[in-house]
Protein backbone atom coordinates (compact mmCIF):
# COMPACT_ATOMS: atom_id res chain seq x y z
CA MET A 1 0.09 0.04 -0.03
CA VAL A 2 1.23 3.44 -0.83
CA ARG A 3 1.32 5.87 2.00
CA ARG A 4 0.28 9.40 1.08
CA ALA A 5 2.93 11.92 2.17
CA SER A 6 1.98 14.62 4.93
CA ASN A 7 1.31 18.02 3.89
CA PRO A 8 4.14 20.00 5.48
CA LEU A 9 2.18 23.36 5.41
CA ILE A 10 -0.67 21.61 7.50
CA VAL A 11 1.87 20.43 9.94
CA LEU A 12 3.56 23.80 10.32
CA THR A 13 0.13 25.51 10.66
CA SER A 14 -0.97 23.17 13.40
CA LEU A 15 2.37 23.50 15.27
CA ALA A 16 2.16 27.37 14.99
CA VAL A 17 -1.44 27.39 16.47
CA THR A 18 -0.21 25.11 19.30
CA VAL A 19 2.62 26.82 20.32
CA THR A 20 0.51 30.35 19.93
CA MET A 21 -2.10 28.98 22.42
CA VAL A 22 0.52 27.76 24.95
CA LEU A 23 2.22 31.08 24.91
CA LEU A 24 -0.99 32.81 25.29
CA VAL A 25 -2.11 30.72 28.35
CA ALA A 26 1.45 31.48 29.70
CA TRP A 27 1.12 35.17 29.00
CA GLN A 28 -2.36 35.34 30.91
CA TRP A 29 -1.01 33.46 33.83
CA ALA A 30 2.10 35.89 34.01
CA VAL A 31 -0.28 39.06 33.88
CA ALA A 32 -2.35 37.57 36.65
CA GLU A 33 0.72 36.94 38.77
CA THR A 34 2.10 40.49 38.69
CA THR A 35 1.04 44.15 38.85
CA ILE A 36 3.82 45.22 36.45
CA ASP A 37 2.38 45.84 33.06
CA PRO A 38 4.42 43.52 30.63
CA VAL A 39 3.79 45.81 27.77
CA PRO A 40 5.68 49.03 27.80
CA ALA A 41 3.91 52.12 26.38
CA ILE A 42 4.84 53.10 22.99
CA ALA A 43 6.01 56.84 22.97
CA ALA A 44 6.27 57.22 19.21
CA PRO A 45 5.12 55.46 16.15
CA ALA A 46 6.84 52.17 15.26
CA ASP A 47 9.50 52.26 12.92
CA PRO A 48 7.93 51.06 9.49
CA THR A 49 11.53 49.48 8.52
CA VAL A 50 11.44 46.98 11.45
CA GLU A 51 9.97 43.72 10.42
CA LEU A 52 7.39 42.11 12.70
CA THR A 53 8.32 38.67 14.06
CA THR A 54 4.94 37.32 14.69
CA PRO A 55 4.32 34.25 12.56
CA LEU A 56 1.92 34.53 9.62
CA MET A 57 -0.46 31.88 11.19
CA SER A 58 -0.36 33.34 14.74
CA PHE A 59 -3.62 34.30 16.38
CA ARG A 60 -1.91 37.80 16.81
CA ARG A 61 -2.78 38.55 13.14
CA ALA A 62 -6.39 38.98 14.13
CA PRO A 63 -5.99 40.86 17.44
CA GLY A 64 -9.39 42.28 17.52
CA VAL A 65 -11.08 38.86 17.17
CA LEU A 66 -8.96 37.37 19.80
CA SER A 67 -9.41 40.29 22.27
CA ARG A 68 -13.21 40.09 22.05
CA SER A 69 -13.02 36.25 22.53
CA LEU A 70 -11.22 36.81 25.70
CA ASN A 71 -13.14 39.58 26.97
CA THR A 72 -16.91 39.13 26.11
CA THR A 73 -17.60 36.08 28.42
CA GLN A 74 -16.73 37.97 31.52
CA PHE A 75 -18.63 41.15 29.95
CA ARG A 76 -21.55 39.36 29.27
CA ILE A 77 -21.78 38.26 32.87
CA GLN A 78 -21.57 42.03 33.85
CA LEU A 79 -24.22 43.08 31.59
CA ALA A 80 -26.75 40.57 33.24
CA THR A 81 -27.66 43.19 36.02
CA LEU A 82 -28.47 45.80 33.21
CA LEU A 83 -30.82 43.18 31.26
CA ASP A 84 -32.54 42.25 34.45
CA ARG A 85 -33.71 45.79 34.80
CA VAL A 86 -35.03 46.16 31.37
CA GLY A 87 -38.76 45.25 31.50
CA SER A 88 -40.71 43.18 28.99
CA GLY A 89 -41.94 46.12 27.02
CA SER A 90 -38.24 47.86 26.62
CA CYS A 91 -35.26 46.82 24.87
CA ALA A 92 -31.52 46.85 25.23
CA SER A 93 -28.55 45.92 23.09
CA VAL A 94 -24.80 46.07 23.87
CA ALA A 95 -22.22 45.37 21.07
CA VAL A 96 -18.35 45.62 20.83
CA ASP A 97 -17.32 46.80 17.28
CA GLY A 98 -20.62 45.76 15.91
CA ALA A 99 -20.50 42.26 17.56
CA VAL A 100 -23.62 41.96 19.93
CA VAL A 101 -22.48 40.74 23.32
CA SER A 102 -25.84 40.96 25.28
CA ALA A 103 -29.29 41.96 24.19
CA LYS A 104 -32.89 41.88 25.53
CA ASN A 105 -35.83 42.42 23.18
CA ASP A 106 -33.39 43.87 20.76
CA GLY A 107 -36.08 43.28 17.90
CA LEU A 108 -38.94 44.45 19.76
CA PRO A 109 -40.33 47.81 18.15
CA VAL A 110 -40.39 50.45 20.80
CA ILE A 111 -41.24 54.20 20.90
CA PRO A 112 -37.71 55.84 20.66
CA ALA A 113 -38.47 59.56 21.65
CA SER A 114 -35.53 61.77 20.51
CA ASN A 115 -33.35 58.80 19.72
CA MET A 116 -35.25 59.05 16.37
CA LYS A 117 -32.71 61.88 15.88
CA LEU A 118 -29.90 59.24 15.54
CA VAL A 119 -31.61 57.74 12.47
CA VAL A 120 -32.18 61.15 11.03
CA ALA A 121 -28.63 62.28 11.51
CA ALA A 122 -27.07 59.18 10.13
CA THR A 123 -29.20 59.15 6.94
CA ALA A 124 -28.69 63.17 6.61
CA LEU A 125 -25.11 62.87 6.59
CA GLU A 126 -25.24 60.14 3.98
CA VAL A 127 -27.82 61.64 1.78
CA LEU A 128 -26.94 65.33 1.87
CA GLY A 129 -23.32 64.98 2.76
CA PRO A 130 -21.32 66.42 5.70
CA SER A 131 -20.39 69.52 3.91
CA TYR A 132 -24.01 70.27 2.55
CA THR A 133 -25.23 73.76 3.58
CA PHE A 134 -28.59 75.58 3.53
CA ARG A 135 -28.64 78.95 1.65
CA THR A 136 -30.84 81.88 2.47
CA SER A 137 -30.84 84.34 -0.39
CA VAL A 138 -32.30 87.66 -1.31
CA PHE A 139 -33.46 88.60 -4.98
CA GLY A 140 -34.65 91.73 -6.67
CA ASP A 141 -34.20 94.23 -9.45
CA VAL A 142 -31.98 97.10 -8.33
CA ASP A 143 -31.66 100.52 -10.43
CA ALA A 144 -28.78 102.75 -10.79
CA THR A 145 -29.54 104.61 -7.57
CA GLY A 146 -29.60 101.34 -5.45
CA ALA A 147 -33.31 101.06 -5.20
CA VAL A 148 -35.03 97.94 -5.54
CA THR A 149 -37.91 98.82 -7.97
CA GLY A 150 -40.30 96.08 -7.02
CA ASP A 151 -40.40 93.50 -4.14
CA LEU A 152 -37.26 92.25 -2.26
CA ALA A 153 -37.63 88.40 -2.12
CA LEU A 154 -36.19 86.68 0.81
CA LEU A 155 -35.82 83.09 -0.17
CA GLY A 156 -35.92 80.27 2.45
CA GLY A 157 -33.50 77.58 1.76
CA GLY A 158 -34.38 75.53 4.89
CA ASP A 159 -31.83 76.92 7.26
CA PRO A 160 -33.17 75.48 10.67
CA LEU A 161 -30.48 77.77 12.65
CA LEU A 162 -31.23 81.14 11.16
CA THR A 163 -31.11 83.62 14.13
CA THR A 164 -30.73 87.10 15.30
CA ASP A 165 -28.31 88.36 17.92
CA ASP A 166 -30.86 89.61 20.43
CA TRP A 167 -32.71 86.41 20.54
CA LEU A 168 -29.57 84.34 21.19
CA ALA A 169 -28.52 86.75 23.81
CA ASN A 170 -31.92 86.68 25.66
CA ASN A 171 -33.84 83.68 25.17
CA THR A 172 -34.64 81.11 27.77
CA GLN A 173 -34.20 77.79 26.18
CA THR A 174 -32.76 75.15 28.41
CA TYR A 175 -30.17 74.11 25.68
CA ARG A 176 -29.36 77.23 23.54
CA ALA A 177 -28.74 76.85 19.79
CA VAL A 178 -25.23 76.61 18.64
CA ASN A 179 -23.78 76.71 15.19
CA THR A 180 -26.26 79.31 14.24
CA THR A 181 -26.52 81.49 10.96
CA ARG A 182 -26.80 85.43 11.71
CA LEU A 183 -29.65 87.13 9.76
CA GLU A 184 -27.80 90.26 10.39
CA THR A 185 -25.11 89.08 8.38
CA LEU A 186 -27.49 88.78 5.29
CA ALA A 187 -28.82 92.35 6.05
CA ASP A 188 -25.25 93.67 5.95
CA ALA A 189 -24.57 91.87 2.64
CA VAL A 190 -27.61 93.62 1.11
CA VAL A 191 -26.37 96.95 2.03
CA ALA A 192 -22.94 96.02 0.97
CA ALA A 193 -24.41 95.26 -2.50
CA GLY A 194 -25.51 98.72 -2.83
CA VAL A 195 -29.15 98.63 -1.96
CA THR A 196 -30.37 102.06 -0.69
CA ARG A 197 -34.17 101.41 -0.48
CA VAL A 198 -36.92 98.92 -1.30
CA ASN A 199 -39.76 100.44 -3.20
CA GLY A 200 -42.17 97.32 -2.69
CA ARG A 201 -42.22 94.89 0.05
CA VAL A 202 -39.99 92.29 1.55
CA LEU A 203 -41.55 88.99 0.35
CA GLY A 204 -40.88 85.70 2.38
CA ASP A 205 -40.73 82.87 0.23
CA ALA A 206 -40.95 79.50 1.97
CA SER A 207 -42.07 77.50 -0.96
CA ARG A 208 -39.06 75.00 -0.78
CA TYR A 209 -41.12 73.06 1.77
CA ASP A 210 -44.86 72.23 2.12
CA ASP A 211 -47.05 74.26 4.63
CA GLU A 212 -47.34 71.48 7.31
CA TYR A 213 -46.26 73.47 10.19
CA PHE A 214 -46.93 70.70 12.93
CA HIS A 215 -46.98 66.99 12.22
CA PRO A 216 -50.64 65.80 12.66
CA SER A 217 -49.50 62.87 14.92
CA TRP A 218 -48.19 65.53 17.60
CA ASP A 219 -50.20 66.06 20.67
CA PRO A 220 -51.49 69.64 20.34
CA ALA A 221 -50.08 70.38 23.64
CA LEU A 222 -46.51 70.02 22.01
CA HIS A 223 -47.28 72.77 19.36
CA GLY A 224 -44.62 75.52 19.80
CA LEU A 225 -43.61 74.36 23.06
CA GLU A 226 -41.54 71.43 21.65
CA ALA A 227 -41.49 72.03 17.96
CA GLY A 228 -42.91 74.02 15.06
CA PRO A 229 -44.18 75.81 13.28
CA ILE A 230 -41.70 74.35 10.75
CA ASP A 231 -40.97 76.10 7.41
CA ALA A 232 -38.29 76.65 4.86
CA LEU A 233 -37.93 80.16 6.06
CA MET A 234 -38.06 80.73 9.69
CA VAL A 235 -35.91 82.70 12.05
CA ASN A 236 -35.31 82.24 15.90
CA ASP A 237 -37.37 78.95 15.79
CA SER A 238 -40.54 81.01 14.77
CA TRP A 239 -40.54 82.67 18.30
CA LEU A 240 -42.02 86.12 18.35
CA GLY A 241 -39.83 87.56 21.29
CA ASN A 242 -36.80 86.76 23.18
CA SER A 243 -38.42 84.70 25.96
CA PHE A 244 -40.78 81.68 25.58
CA ASN A 245 -43.51 80.66 27.79
CA SER A 246 -46.45 79.15 25.60
CA SER A 247 -47.51 78.24 22.44
CA ARG A 248 -48.80 81.85 21.83
CA ASP A 249 -45.31 83.09 21.66
CA VAL A 250 -44.66 81.43 18.17
CA ALA A 251 -45.55 83.05 14.88
CA ALA A 252 -48.64 81.85 13.07
CA ASP A 253 -46.82 82.10 9.64
CA PRO A 254 -42.85 81.55 10.13
CA ALA A 255 -42.16 83.08 6.53
CA LEU A 256 -44.02 86.22 7.40
CA ARG A 257 -42.49 86.47 10.79
CA THR A 258 -38.97 86.15 9.14
CA ALA A 259 -39.87 88.77 6.43
CA GLU A 260 -40.90 91.19 9.25
CA VAL A 261 -37.77 90.65 11.18
CA PHE A 262 -35.74 91.20 7.94
CA THR A 263 -37.48 94.44 7.17
CA GLN A 264 -36.56 95.69 10.63
CA LEU A 265 -32.79 94.76 10.17
CA LEU A 266 -32.80 96.61 6.91
CA ARG A 267 -34.48 99.80 8.33
CA GLU A 268 -32.01 99.77 11.15
CA ARG A 269 -29.33 99.85 8.61
CA GLY A 270 -30.78 102.97 6.85
CA VAL A 271 -32.67 100.99 3.97
CA PRO A 272 -36.41 102.08 4.06
CA VAL A 273 -38.91 99.51 2.94
CA GLY A 274 -42.09 101.15 1.29
CA GLN A 275 -44.62 98.61 1.57
CA GLY A 276 -43.78 96.59 4.62
CA SER A 277 -43.68 92.60 4.78
CA ALA A 278 -45.70 89.80 3.19
CA VAL A 279 -45.35 86.23 1.95
CA GLY A 280 -45.58 84.66 -1.40
CA VAL A 281 -43.76 82.86 -4.12
CA SER A 282 -41.08 85.10 -5.68
CA GLU A 283 -40.08 85.22 -9.40
CA PHE A 284 -36.44 85.06 -8.29
CA GLY A 285 -34.33 87.03 -10.87
CA THR A 286 -30.82 88.27 -9.87
CA GLU A 287 -29.53 87.26 -6.38
CA ILE A 288 -28.42 90.56 -4.63
CA ALA A 289 -26.91 88.74 -1.48
CA GLY A 290 -26.92 85.27 0.12
CA ILE A 291 -25.81 83.61 3.37
CA ASP A 292 -24.91 79.95 3.84
CA SER A 293 -25.27 77.89 6.98
CA GLN A 294 -22.57 75.98 8.71
CA PRO A 295 -21.97 72.61 7.15
CA MET A 296 -24.28 69.51 7.60
CA SER A 297 -21.68 68.05 10.17
CA ALA A 298 -22.22 71.19 12.49
CA ILE A 299 -26.02 71.19 11.83
CA VAL A 300 -26.27 67.58 13.03
CA GLN A 301 -24.08 68.40 16.01
CA GLU A 302 -26.44 71.01 17.18
CA MET A 303 -29.49 68.74 16.60
CA LEU A 304 -27.94 66.03 18.65
CA LEU A 305 -26.31 68.15 21.36
CA THR A 306 -29.39 70.19 22.14
CA SER A 307 -32.04 67.67 20.81
CA ASP A 308 -33.39 70.30 18.64
CA ASP A 309 -36.74 69.05 17.14
CA ASN A 310 -37.11 71.76 14.69
CA THR A 311 -33.80 70.98 13.09
CA ALA A 312 -34.44 67.23 12.92
CA GLU A 313 -37.96 68.05 11.14
CA VAL A 314 -36.15 70.34 8.62
CA LEU A 315 -33.61 67.53 7.90
CA VAL A 316 -36.12 65.25 6.99
CA LYS A 317 -38.02 67.70 4.63
CA GLU A 318 -34.69 68.69 3.08
CA MET A 319 -34.05 65.13 2.13
CA GLY A 320 -37.46 64.84 0.59
CA SER A 321 -36.80 68.22 -1.25
CA GLN A 322 -33.21 66.88 -2.59
CA SER A 323 -34.95 63.73 -3.72
CA GLY A 324 -37.29 65.49 -6.20
CA SER A 325 -40.30 64.25 -4.24
CA GLY A 326 -40.90 67.47 -2.61
CA GLY A 327 -39.95 69.22 0.72
CA SER A 328 -42.37 67.18 2.94
CA THR A 329 -42.04 64.92 5.84
CA ALA A 330 -43.48 61.96 3.99
CA ALA A 331 -41.16 62.40 1.14
CA GLY A 332 -38.14 62.64 3.47
CA LEU A 333 -38.88 59.49 5.32
CA GLU A 334 -39.19 57.44 2.13
CA VAL A 335 -35.56 58.71 1.49
CA VAL A 336 -34.47 57.55 5.15
CA LEU A 337 -36.14 54.21 4.73
CA ASP A 338 -34.61 53.65 1.34
CA THR A 339 -31.09 54.62 2.64
CA LEU A 340 -31.56 52.18 5.76
CA ALA A 341 -32.55 49.37 3.43
CA GLY A 342 -29.50 50.14 1.20
CA TRP A 343 -27.22 49.75 4.34
CA ASN A 344 -29.10 46.39 5.07
CA MET A 345 -30.28 47.60 8.40
CA PRO A 346 -32.69 45.53 10.32
CA LEU A 347 -36.11 47.04 9.59
CA ILE A 348 -38.77 44.63 10.71
CA GLY A 349 -41.45 46.39 12.74
CA VAL A 350 -39.67 49.73 12.24
CA SER A 351 -42.25 52.61 11.56
CA LEU A 352 -40.94 56.32 10.95
CA VAL A 353 -43.38 58.93 11.18
CA ASP A 354 -41.51 62.30 12.07
CA GLY A 355 -37.79 63.33 12.43
CA SER A 356 -37.85 64.65 15.89
CA GLY A 357 -39.30 61.47 17.79
CA LEU A 358 -42.20 63.58 19.19
CA SER A 359 -44.79 61.23 17.80
CA ARG A 360 -45.73 58.31 19.70
CA ASP A 361 -46.27 56.47 16.41
CA ASN A 362 -42.65 56.17 15.61
CA LEU A 363 -41.30 52.67 16.30
CA VAL A 364 -37.73 51.47 16.14
CA THR A 365 -35.56 48.76 17.60
CA CYS A 366 -32.34 48.58 19.71
CA SER A 367 -30.92 46.36 16.95
CA LEU A 368 -31.53 49.02 14.59
CA LEU A 369 -29.99 51.78 16.50
CA VAL A 370 -26.76 49.70 17.36
CA SER A 371 -26.43 48.67 13.65
CA ILE A 372 -26.60 52.52 12.77
CA LEU A 373 -24.09 53.32 15.53
CA HIS A 374 -21.71 50.58 14.27
CA ARG A 375 -21.86 52.03 10.93
CA GLY A 376 -20.46 55.30 12.25
CA SER A 377 -17.88 55.74 14.90
CA PRO A 378 -17.35 58.02 18.12
CA ASN A 379 -14.89 60.41 15.99
CA ASP A 380 -16.98 60.88 12.80
CA ALA A 381 -19.65 63.48 12.28
CA LEU A 382 -22.37 61.35 13.92
CA GLY A 383 -20.42 60.43 17.00
CA ALA A 384 -18.60 63.79 17.47
CA GLY A 385 -21.94 65.34 17.58
CA LEU A 386 -23.20 63.46 20.48
CA PRO A 387 -23.72 64.97 24.02
CA VAL A 388 -20.78 63.73 26.39
CA ALA A 389 -21.75 62.20 29.72
CA GLY A 390 -21.43 64.86 32.55
CA ALA A 391 -19.91 67.47 30.18
CA THR A 392 -22.07 68.66 27.32
CA GLY A 393 -25.63 69.07 26.00
CA THR A 394 -28.48 66.92 27.18
CA LEU A 395 -26.03 64.84 29.31
CA ILE A 396 -24.39 67.50 31.14
CA GLU A 397 -26.09 66.53 34.40
CA GLU A 398 -25.95 62.72 33.84
CA PHE A 399 -23.41 60.40 34.94
CA LEU A 400 -21.60 62.82 37.12
CA GLY A 401 -18.76 61.29 39.22
CA THR A 402 -19.00 57.93 37.40
CA PRO A 403 -16.17 56.13 35.56
CA VAL A 404 -17.97 56.97 32.13
CA ALA A 405 -18.05 60.63 32.84
CA GLY A 406 -16.17 62.56 30.03
CA ARG A 407 -16.12 59.30 28.09
CA LEU A 408 -19.74 57.95 27.14
CA GLN A 409 -21.11 59.81 24.02
CA ALA A 410 -24.84 59.32 23.60
CA LYS A 411 -28.25 60.71 22.42
CA THR A 412 -30.81 60.81 24.95
CA GLY A 413 -34.70 60.65 24.55
CA SER A 414 -37.70 61.51 26.60
CA LEU A 415 -41.56 61.25 26.38
CA THR A 416 -44.07 60.24 28.80
CA ASP A 417 -43.31 56.80 30.02
CA VAL A 418 -40.31 56.53 27.52
CA LYS A 419 -36.54 57.06 28.20
CA ALA A 420 -33.87 56.24 25.67
CA LEU A 421 -30.24 56.35 25.68
CA ALA A 422 -28.03 55.08 22.59
CA GLY A 423 -24.43 55.79 21.81
CA TYR A 424 -20.68 54.81 22.05
CA LEU A 425 -18.08 54.32 24.87
CA PRO A 426 -14.53 54.17 23.40
CA VAL A 427 -12.57 51.72 25.43
CA ASP A 428 -8.80 50.64 26.12
CA GLY A 429 -7.12 49.08 23.27
CA GLY A 430 -9.05 50.74 20.67
CA ASP A 431 -12.37 48.95 20.66
CA THR A 432 -15.72 50.64 20.86
CA ILE A 433 -18.81 49.69 22.62
CA GLU A 434 -22.07 50.55 20.80
CA PHE A 435 -25.22 50.35 23.02
CA ALA A 436 -28.96 51.14 22.95
CA VAL A 437 -31.21 51.06 25.99
CA ILE A 438 -34.95 52.28 25.40
CA LEU A 439 -37.42 51.90 28.31
CA ASN A 440 -41.12 51.85 27.40
CA GLU A 441 -42.82 51.57 30.93
CA PRO A 442 -44.94 53.69 33.45
CA GLY A 443 -42.72 56.61 34.75
CA ALA A 444 -39.76 55.58 32.35
CA LYS A 445 -38.65 59.31 32.14
CA GLU A 446 -38.73 59.92 35.90
CA PRO A 447 -35.07 59.85 37.43
CA ASP A 448 -35.85 57.36 40.10
CA VAL A 449 -36.83 54.92 37.27
CA TYR A 450 -34.32 55.51 34.41
CA ARG A 451 -31.16 56.22 36.55
CA ARG A 452 -31.27 52.72 38.11
CA VAL A 453 -30.99 51.34 34.60
CA TRP A 454 -28.52 53.99 33.51
CA ASP A 455 -26.40 53.27 36.46
CA ALA A 456 -26.46 49.54 35.88
CA LEU A 457 -25.25 50.49 32.15
CA ALA A 458 -22.61 52.62 33.34
CA VAL A 459 -21.39 49.96 35.82
CA SER A 460 -21.22 47.21 33.49
CA LEU A 461 -19.71 49.22 30.48
CA VAL A 462 -16.57 50.09 32.45
CA THR A 463 -15.66 46.48 33.12
CA TYR A 464 -14.71 45.83 29.36
CA PRO A 465 -12.06 44.92 28.68
CA SER A 466 -11.28 42.63 31.54
CA SER A 467 -8.22 41.03 29.87
CA ALA A 468 -6.01 41.66 27.01
CA THR A 469 -6.97 44.39 24.66
CA SER A 470 -6.51 44.40 20.90
CA ASP A 471 -3.46 46.75 21.13
CA GLN A 472 -1.66 44.24 23.42
CA LEU A 473 -2.42 41.45 21.24
CA ALA A 474 -1.53 43.09 17.99
CA PRO A 475 1.35 41.64 15.79
CA ARG A 476 4.89 42.25 17.04
């Protein structure tokens, strides 16, 4: 009988794997027996001319996989307390670099509240792009004397952060707008263009979007107090003054209010307006002046940091407008769903109704949110825009004095009987934890209810990694 010769590659591979596992066990034992870090810190980038000595078939060639294998078992045990505090109508999911470690009801459709803004932020950055800007323009026919012979058209481009200095200085919002666009700058530009007077009207044109100022699913008690009226031309969130106490303090027509404010700014600069302010669809013509918003990355940051409902609704309408289907919420949400489907996101049971999350008809899953987060990162426009625990935005008073303060980046969400938190925790060794916890239960938004869950989340997250990190296991 002829004996088949052994394959030397297979033998060498098996030997390399065996030796690697023996060395790994010995290394783990050595780490446990000493308090001295066996891996010196690298003060400077490695010399690229130095060849690595790690064998080609060594497990060190896949440090991330090996690190997670060593750490996730203990991490799963630590997460048990968190999952025990998540009720049957709520959901939770925790992943490391996209690989789910532990979850409870992660495919259950739940009301997300303002965690809906994570969905809008991710898709707007994709569809519109991080450098996209909103432009507010002024059009009119100017004669040789600098007079606008007819109406001066103020064309709204959808900028959700168009503001005036006095409003920014004096309004009483809990979280003040950032990354704003000064309407005064546009008025200055009109003067600089040589306009000396307006014989007609300042005509506010908001035709870029539909005239659905408030989403029909919203509780009327939220109108103006939480969001709206929404339009393609609005200044100062459509507020009438510098303080805010009730829905009576917002404009009935955002475009008309903006035209009135702009008329006053022109008059303050010595440019008389003969026939006051009005709204309508302009005939365009020659652009006299224009002003661009900050880029989409900054707009998204403002929305996530302050949980700005108006900005979220505008981003949805803008996606609809750019798709060619019209500047409506319905058109924009079709774009959002198509984008999510193109990313192969889990969409079973998902229902998107508005952009802000004020509607109780919105339904998402923890699985969807964690998948969206994994597609981004703590350092890109999505992650960098999130509030930081104990430091910024809607998390400034949360997780104070805990190990995740200054590290955890997450979007909050609150409605009656709803409390949500989803985001990132970058950890030692280069890994990233993605998490989503959405409570749908009686009293969920009360601190004594949600904080017991958030505390369990914080305590468990900081236990990872409990063993070797990806950096420590990387090829040498």
